[in-house]
């Protein structure tokens, strides 16, 4: 099924898996996929959200906080990329 995804969608899913691992989760949930989408700064989703006036950095922080991760101290994005 993965081969049916666009290259961008595969990249988002790869990032979602990496975020899930970084968060010590044994599943990839919608929160990981959302963070994967938000991590692709060149994506249509980011451009669209920007046009709507959404602060993507703030949204990312809010999603991380909602998952119980403190992005300033517990979430290491250097290990994710």
Protein backbone atom coordinates (compact mmCIF):
# COMPACT_ATOMS: atom_id res chain seq x y z
CA UNK A 1 0.00 0.00 0.00
CA UNK A 2 2.89 2.36 0.69
CA UNK A 3 3.73 2.47 -3.01
CA UNK A 4 0.32 4.07 -3.67
CA UNK A 5 1.31 7.12 -1.62
CA UNK A 6 2.91 10.18 -3.17
CA UNK A 7 6.53 10.87 -2.26
CA UNK A 8 5.37 13.63 0.09
CA UNK A 9 2.87 11.33 1.80
CA UNK A 10 5.57 8.67 2.25
CA UNK A 11 7.82 11.32 3.80
CA UNK A 12 5.08 12.39 6.21
CA UNK A 13 4.46 8.79 7.23
CA UNK A 14 8.19 8.18 7.70
CA UNK A 15 8.35 11.23 9.97
CA UNK A 16 5.24 10.06 11.84
CA UNK A 17 6.91 6.73 12.56
CA UNK A 18 10.08 8.48 13.73
CA UNK A 19 8.07 10.80 16.00
CA UNK A 20 6.19 7.82 17.46
CA UNK A 21 9.49 6.08 18.19
CA UNK A 22 10.93 9.26 19.71
CA UNK A 23 7.82 9.50 21.92
CA UNK A 24 8.26 5.83 22.95
CA UNK A 25 4.86 4.88 21.50
CA UNK A 26 4.16 1.41 20.17
CA UNK A 27 1.71 2.78 17.58
CA UNK A 28 1.52 5.55 15.00
CA UNK A 29 -1.52 7.66 15.76
CA UNK A 30 -3.13 10.70 14.27
CA UNK A 31 -1.05 12.92 16.54
CA UNK A 32 2.15 11.52 15.02
CA UNK A 33 0.81 11.93 11.50
CA UNK A 34 -0.19 15.53 12.27
CA UNK A 35 3.30 16.26 13.60
CA UNK A 36 4.72 14.60 10.46
CA UNK A 37 2.59 16.89 8.30
CA UNK A 38 3.62 19.93 10.32
CA UNK A 39 7.30 19.01 9.99
CA UNK A 40 7.21 19.28 6.17
CA UNK A 41 7.70 23.02 5.74
CA UNK A 42 7.30 22.79 1.96
CA UNK A 43 3.97 20.99 2.03
CA UNK A 44 0.68 22.25 0.71
CA UNK A 45 -0.78 21.79 4.19
CA UNK A 46 1.73 24.22 5.70
CA UNK A 47 1.14 26.79 2.98
CA UNK A 48 -2.63 26.42 3.37
CA UNK A 49 -2.49 26.74 7.15
CA UNK A 50 -0.28 29.80 6.74
CA UNK A 51 -2.80 31.38 4.40
CA UNK A 52 -5.42 30.83 7.07
CA UNK A 53 -3.21 32.63 9.57
CA UNK A 54 -2.27 29.55 11.59
CA UNK A 55 1.01 29.78 13.49
CA UNK A 56 2.47 26.38 12.58
CA UNK A 57 5.18 26.48 15.25
CA UNK A 58 2.56 27.20 17.90
CA UNK A 59 0.29 24.46 16.53
CA UNK A 60 3.17 21.98 16.65
CA UNK A 61 3.88 22.94 20.26
CA UNK A 62 0.20 22.56 21.13
CA UNK A 63 0.03 19.10 19.55
CA UNK A 64 3.17 18.02 21.43
CA UNK A 65 1.75 19.39 24.68
CA UNK A 66 -1.53 17.57 24.07
CA UNK A 67 0.37 14.30 23.77
CA UNK A 68 2.05 14.94 27.12
CA UNK A 69 5.43 15.84 25.66
CA UNK A 70 7.15 19.05 26.74
CA UNK A 71 8.73 20.19 23.45
CA UNK A 72 11.34 22.31 25.23
CA UNK A 73 12.74 19.54 27.40
CA UNK A 74 11.53 16.11 26.34
CA UNK A 75 11.20 16.12 22.58
CA UNK A 76 14.43 15.96 20.63
CA UNK A 77 13.75 16.71 16.97
CA UNK A 78 17.44 16.24 16.17
CA UNK A 79 16.95 12.48 16.63
CA UNK A 80 13.91 12.48 14.38
CA UNK A 81 15.40 13.72 11.14
